[in-house]
Structure formats: C-alpha cells, structure tokens
Amino acid sequence: MPARFNLEYLHSQRLEKQVKTTHNTVLITGGTSGIGFALAQRFLREGNAVIVTGTNPQKAGAVKHQCPAITVELADIRDRQVLEELVYRYPDVNILVNNAGIQYNYNFADSAINIEQIEVELDINLLSPMYLTKLLLPQLLNHPTAAIINVSSGLGIVPKQSAPVYCASKAALHSFTKVLRWQLEASSVRVFEIIPPIVDTAMTQGRGRGKIPPEALVEEFWRDFSLDRFESRIGKTKLLFALQRLMPSLAERIMRPGL
C-alpha cells in the first residue's frame, strides 16, 4: 500500500507540473519559415502569445502579413547582445523553442572551406541555443510551468558523410538536451526534443527524398508535447533509432550517402 501511494503521489506531482499547451508566451528562433513558422502557427492557434526571430526581412514581412498576431523580431542569434536584449524585452516568455539551424554540405578537407564557415554552423546550431537557454533559465525557473524545446535532427543520431559539422552539432545538441533534462527534472522546467527526419524546407531544397511537410512534423510533435513525452521522434526517425540500436552498421550504410 505505501509503495502504491508513493507511485500515485509522484504521478500526481508530474501532472501538476506538466506544461500547459495554451496561455503561454513562446519564443521561437528561426520562426519565420519552415519548421519554426509551422510551430509558431500551431502555438498561436492553441491560444499562446508567440514571438519569432528571423534574419530575412522579406520572410519577416510575410509572417506579419499572414499572422499579424505573431510578434516578429529581426535578430541574428549569433549576436550575444541581441539575445540579451530579447530576454530583457520579453520577461513573460515561459517556453523557448531553439529551432534556428543551418546546414552546409562539403568535404572537410576542402581548402576552400574556411574557419568562419565552420564557426557559423556551430554557432547557429549549438552555441547560440545553449547561450539563449542559459540567459532565459532564471525566468523559466521562476515560472510554475515552463519548457525548453530543442529541434535537433535524425542526422545527430546517425550522420551522413557530406555534412560533418551539421551532424556533429546536432549530435551535441541531442546530448545537451538530454543532460539538461536530467539536471532540471526536479524543477518546473520541462526539456523537450524534436528529432525530425528530412523535412521539406528551404534548407533541404534541391536534395533528399521522402520529405515530410513542416505541418506534419508539428502535428506529430504536438501529440507528444500534449502527453508530456520529452523526446519526439518524428516519422522515420522512429525506425532510425530502432535500426541504429539493432543493426548500427546497416543504419550507417543507409544514412552515410544522405537521403
């Protein structure tokens, strides 16, 4: 009986802390197109206040025209001062979505590839999400229900040959997300991860097969988010995880040339 009581108590505590899907203030990086914009639309539709960042004025204008209720910030997330100003301007944010990402495909030994290109990819995909998370954590921890949602990639689980830095950065983000979840599990902050397959966005234009639309990804993630499932393996990434666990050599042979 005592053991049963304890289990029921722990379950009730978890439900009490579960992130609400409505009446939040959500900040989404890279939210003017692709996965980020699809997430912004869904959060908005569910009754949340939404702020998105982007660097392209045309895309920002299109978002404002299509969804006037979304607040759009033209902001380069590599600029640490810009991130500090964002956090200062939006003290009500209780959900952070680290979505902005960039992928370069090249041979690492190519002499034409300079250090700056490597730094840009690492900064956007890994360092800036870490930095923004660190800046926002004090206010997230003071909120009764808060969340961090990191968008990684199936290529962070099994890499492809042509994207050395992208795959490494997403593998690091996957690991960081898991560790952060462990460190914050006793707090009010829930840490989620979206692990997409190849999605039909500007980043994947001209390459890849079997792409899913961003809206399909968001629908699948939303089911997981609503049920407090912290790791959302989207579409074919479910199969990738199983294959990587059972037949890692086969998973690498499939993923190495890219999809």
Protein backbone atom coordinates (compact mmCIF):
# COMPACT_ATOMS: atom_id res chain seq x y z
CA MET A 1 0.00 0.00 0.00
CA PRO A 2 2.73 2.58 0.85
CA ALA A 3 4.53 1.83 -2.43
CA ARG A 4 1.30 2.28 -4.36
CA PHE A 5 0.60 5.53 -2.57
CA ASN A 6 4.07 6.86 -3.41
CA LEU A 7 3.69 6.00 -7.08
CA GLU A 8 0.32 7.73 -7.24
CA TYR A 9 1.73 10.77 -5.45
CA LEU A 10 4.68 11.04 -7.86
CA HIS A 11 2.33 10.69 -10.84
CA SER A 12 0.09 13.45 -9.49
CA GLN A 13 3.12 15.70 -8.95
CA ARG A 14 4.26 15.18 -12.53
CA LEU A 15 0.80 16.01 -13.89
CA GLU A 16 0.72 19.13 -11.75
CA LYS A 17 3.99 20.35 -13.28
CA GLN A 18 3.12 19.33 -16.85
CA VAL A 19 3.46 22.19 -19.29
CA LYS A 20 0.16 23.62 -20.46
CA THR A 21 -0.33 23.80 -24.22
CA THR A 22 -2.21 27.10 -24.04
CA HIS A 23 -1.84 30.55 -22.43
CA ASN A 24 1.95 30.51 -22.69
CA THR A 25 4.38 33.08 -24.08
CA VAL A 26 6.54 31.29 -26.62
CA LEU A 27 9.83 32.43 -28.16
CA ILE A 28 10.84 30.55 -31.34
CA THR A 29 14.19 31.14 -33.04
CA GLY A 30 14.21 30.78 -36.82
CA GLY A 31 10.44 31.10 -36.75
CA THR A 32 9.78 32.97 -40.00
CA SER A 33 9.79 29.89 -42.24
CA GLY A 34 9.87 26.09 -42.29
CA ILE A 35 9.55 24.14 -39.06
CA GLY A 36 9.74 27.28 -36.92
CA PHE A 37 6.85 29.02 -38.66
CA ALA A 38 4.72 25.86 -38.59
CA LEU A 39 5.35 25.62 -34.82
CA ALA A 40 4.53 29.32 -34.41
CA GLN A 41 1.20 28.89 -36.19
CA ARG A 42 0.27 25.89 -34.05
CA PHE A 43 1.17 27.59 -30.78
CA LEU A 44 -0.80 30.66 -31.88
CA ARG A 45 -3.82 28.56 -32.82
CA GLU A 46 -3.79 26.98 -29.36
CA GLY A 47 -4.10 30.38 -27.65
CA ASN A 48 -0.48 31.24 -26.93
CA ALA A 49 1.39 34.51 -27.39
CA VAL A 50 4.16 33.91 -29.94
CA ILE A 51 7.42 35.72 -30.69
CA VAL A 52 9.61 34.55 -33.57
CA THR A 53 13.09 35.57 -34.66
CA GLY A 54 14.50 35.65 -38.17
CA THR A 55 17.09 37.46 -40.25
CA ASN A 56 15.30 37.80 -43.59
CA PRO A 57 13.17 41.00 -43.84
CA GLN A 58 11.04 39.57 -46.67
CA LYS A 59 10.17 36.45 -44.68
CA ALA A 60 9.51 38.56 -41.59
CA GLY A 61 7.12 40.76 -43.58
CA ALA A 62 5.32 37.70 -44.96
CA VAL A 63 4.79 36.37 -41.43
CA LYS A 64 3.37 39.70 -40.25
CA HIS A 65 1.03 39.77 -43.25
CA GLN A 66 -0.15 36.17 -42.80
CA CYS A 67 -0.26 36.12 -39.00
CA PRO A 68 -0.43 39.67 -37.59
CA ALA A 69 -0.76 38.31 -34.04
CA ILE A 70 2.78 36.89 -34.16
CA THR A 71 5.49 39.25 -32.93
CA VAL A 72 8.45 39.19 -35.31
CA GLU A 73 11.98 40.15 -34.26
CA LEU A 74 14.67 40.62 -36.88
CA ALA A 75 17.53 39.19 -34.87
CA ASP A 76 20.76 37.36 -35.60
CA ILE A 77 21.02 34.78 -32.82
CA ARG A 78 24.81 34.76 -33.20
CA ASP A 79 24.86 38.25 -31.69
CA ARG A 80 25.09 37.76 -27.93
CA GLN A 81 23.93 41.32 -27.18
CA VAL A 82 20.84 40.79 -29.34
CA LEU A 83 19.98 37.67 -27.32
CA GLU A 84 20.38 39.56 -24.06
CA GLU A 85 18.06 42.29 -25.35
CA LEU A 86 15.48 39.70 -26.41
CA VAL A 87 15.42 38.18 -22.94
CA TYR A 88 15.13 41.64 -21.37
CA ARG A 89 12.26 42.70 -23.67
CA TYR A 90 10.17 39.57 -23.13
CA PRO A 91 10.17 38.73 -19.40
CA ASP A 92 6.94 36.71 -19.76
CA VAL A 93 8.43 34.02 -22.00
CA ASN A 94 7.94 30.62 -20.41
CA ILE A 95 8.52 28.40 -23.46
CA LEU A 96 11.71 28.61 -25.52
CA VAL A 97 11.95 26.80 -28.86
CA ASN A 98 15.53 26.58 -30.15
CA ASN A 99 14.73 25.92 -33.79
CA ALA A 100 17.10 28.03 -35.93
CA GLY A 101 19.54 25.88 -37.87
CA ILE A 102 21.80 25.83 -40.90
CA GLN A 103 23.40 23.01 -42.87
CA TYR A 104 26.43 23.16 -45.14
CA ASN A 105 27.39 20.13 -47.21
CA TYR A 106 31.08 19.87 -48.05
CA ASN A 107 34.30 17.89 -47.74
CA PHE A 108 36.00 18.98 -44.53
CA ALA A 109 39.41 18.61 -46.19
CA ASP A 110 38.47 21.07 -48.94
CA SER A 111 40.90 24.02 -48.72
CA ALA A 112 38.11 26.38 -49.87
CA ILE A 113 36.24 25.80 -46.60
CA ASN A 114 37.36 28.43 -44.13
CA ILE A 115 37.21 28.53 -40.34
CA GLU A 116 34.49 31.19 -40.38
CA GLN A 117 32.07 28.86 -42.16
CA ILE A 118 32.66 26.18 -39.55
CA GLU A 119 32.13 28.70 -36.77
CA VAL A 120 28.85 29.97 -38.25
CA GLU A 121 27.39 26.48 -38.45
CA LEU A 122 28.42 25.57 -34.92
CA ASP A 123 27.22 28.89 -33.55
CA ILE A 124 23.74 28.78 -35.07
CA ASN A 125 23.14 25.07 -34.43
CA LEU A 126 24.69 24.66 -30.98
CA LEU A 127 26.33 27.59 -29.21
CA SER A 128 23.55 30.15 -29.64
CA PRO A 129 20.82 27.73 -28.43
CA MET A 130 22.96 26.99 -25.37
CA TYR A 131 23.58 30.68 -24.74
CA LEU A 132 19.93 31.70 -25.14
CA THR A 133 18.87 28.83 -22.89
CA LYS A 134 21.35 29.97 -20.24
CA LEU A 135 20.07 33.56 -20.44
CA LEU A 136 16.41 32.53 -20.16
CA LEU A 137 16.76 29.92 -17.44
CA PRO A 138 16.39 32.31 -14.46
CA GLN A 139 12.94 33.46 -15.63
CA LEU A 140 11.92 29.97 -16.75
CA LEU A 141 12.81 28.56 -13.34
CA ASN A 142 10.63 31.21 -11.69
CA HIS A 143 7.61 30.21 -13.76
CA PRO A 144 5.28 27.49 -12.38
CA THR A 145 5.30 25.66 -15.73
CA ALA A 146 7.96 26.25 -18.35
CA ALA A 147 9.59 24.40 -21.22
CA ILE A 148 12.63 24.33 -23.45
CA ILE A 149 12.13 22.66 -26.83
CA ASN A 150 15.23 21.92 -28.88
CA VAL A 151 14.97 20.94 -32.54
CA SER A 152 17.78 18.52 -33.38
CA SER A 153 17.90 16.03 -36.27
CA GLY A 154 17.97 12.35 -37.15
CA LEU A 155 21.44 13.17 -38.52
CA GLY A 156 22.51 13.76 -34.93
CA ILE A 157 21.76 10.10 -34.27
CA VAL A 158 23.29 8.60 -37.43
CA PRO A 159 25.32 11.06 -39.56
CA LYS A 160 25.70 11.47 -43.29
CA GLN A 161 29.08 11.82 -44.98
CA SER A 162 28.51 15.20 -46.64
CA ALA A 163 27.63 17.30 -43.56
CA PRO A 164 30.38 16.85 -40.96
CA VAL A 165 29.78 19.94 -38.85
CA TYR A 166 25.98 19.89 -39.08
CA CYS A 167 25.80 16.26 -37.92
CA ALA A 168 28.27 16.90 -35.11
CA SER A 169 26.39 19.98 -33.93
CA LYS A 170 23.05 18.15 -33.88
CA ALA A 171 24.57 15.18 -32.04
CA ALA A 172 25.90 17.61 -29.45
CA LEU A 173 22.51 19.34 -29.17
CA HIS A 174 20.84 15.95 -28.65
CA SER A 175 23.27 15.13 -25.84
CA PHE A 176 22.97 18.60 -24.28
CA THR A 177 19.16 18.34 -24.31
CA LYS A 178 19.19 15.00 -22.52
CA VAL A 179 21.63 16.19 -19.83
CA LEU A 180 19.72 19.45 -19.32
CA ARG A 181 16.51 17.44 -18.89
CA TRP A 182 18.18 15.39 -16.16
CA GLN A 183 19.52 18.47 -14.40
CA LEU A 184 16.15 20.23 -14.44
CA GLU A 185 13.89 17.26 -13.74
CA ALA A 186 13.18 18.40 -10.17
CA SER A 187 12.31 21.93 -11.34
CA SER A 188 9.29 23.44 -13.08
CA VAL A 189 11.13 23.45 -16.43
CA ARG A 190 10.44 20.58 -18.83
CA VAL A 191 13.00 19.90 -21.57
CA PHE A 192 11.72 18.52 -24.88
CA GLU A 193 13.46 17.49 -28.08
CA ILE A 194 12.07 17.31 -31.60
CA ILE A 195 14.09 14.87 -33.72
CA PRO A 196 12.99 15.36 -37.33
CA PRO A 197 13.61 13.26 -40.42
CA ILE A 198 14.22 15.19 -43.64
CA VAL A 199 11.65 17.98 -43.81
CA ASP A 200 10.57 19.96 -46.85
CA THR A 201 12.10 23.36 -46.01
CA ALA A 202 14.37 25.90 -47.67
CA MET A 203 17.37 24.18 -46.04
CA THR A 204 16.65 20.90 -47.85
CA GLN A 205 15.70 22.44 -51.18
CA GLY A 206 17.12 20.51 -54.13
CA ARG A 207 18.13 17.42 -52.17
CA GLY A 208 16.64 14.47 -50.36
CA ARG A 209 13.70 12.16 -50.95
CA GLY A 210 10.61 11.34 -48.92
CA LYS A 211 10.45 14.72 -47.23
CA ILE A 212 7.60 15.47 -44.87
CA PRO A 213 5.93 18.90 -44.73
CA PRO A 214 6.64 21.02 -41.62
CA GLU A 215 2.95 20.88 -40.71
CA ALA A 216 3.06 17.07 -40.47
CA LEU A 217 6.05 17.30 -38.15
CA VAL A 218 4.23 19.79 -35.92
CA GLU A 219 1.11 17.61 -35.68
CA GLU A 220 3.18 14.63 -34.56
CA PHE A 221 5.18 16.72 -32.10
CA TRP A 222 2.02 18.27 -30.67
CA ARG A 223 0.66 14.88 -29.72
CA ASP A 224 3.88 14.12 -27.84
CA PHE A 225 4.02 17.59 -26.27
CA SER A 226 0.42 17.31 -25.06
CA LEU A 227 1.24 13.98 -23.40
CA ASP A 228 4.48 15.25 -21.83
CA ARG A 229 6.63 12.94 -23.96
CA PHE A 230 10.02 14.58 -23.83
CA GLU A 231 11.68 13.03 -26.90
CA SER A 232 9.60 13.40 -30.04
CA ARG A 233 10.95 11.09 -32.75
CA ILE A 234 9.20 12.24 -35.90
CA GLY A 235 8.26 9.98 -38.79
CA LYS A 236 11.09 7.77 -40.00
CA THR A 237 13.37 8.70 -37.11
CA LYS A 238 11.48 6.10 -35.06
CA LEU A 239 12.76 3.45 -37.46
CA LEU A 240 16.22 5.04 -37.46
CA PHE A 241 16.51 4.72 -33.67
CA ALA A 242 15.45 1.07 -33.82
CA LEU A 243 17.83 0.32 -36.68
CA GLN A 244 20.71 2.12 -35.00
CA ARG A 245 20.18 0.07 -31.84
CA LEU A 246 19.70 -3.33 -33.52
CA MET A 247 21.82 -3.04 -36.67
CA PRO A 248 24.10 0.00 -36.38
CA SER A 249 26.23 -0.93 -39.41
CA LEU A 250 23.14 -1.12 -41.62
CA ALA A 251 21.90 2.23 -40.26
CA GLU A 252 25.23 3.81 -41.19
CA ARG A 253 25.19 2.31 -44.69
CA ILE A 254 21.72 3.73 -45.27
CA MET A 255 22.40 7.17 -43.83
CA ARG A 256 26.00 7.71 -44.98
CA PRO A 257 25.18 8.86 -48.55
CA GLY A 258 22.28 11.01 -47.34
CA LEU A 259 18.62 10.54 -48.12
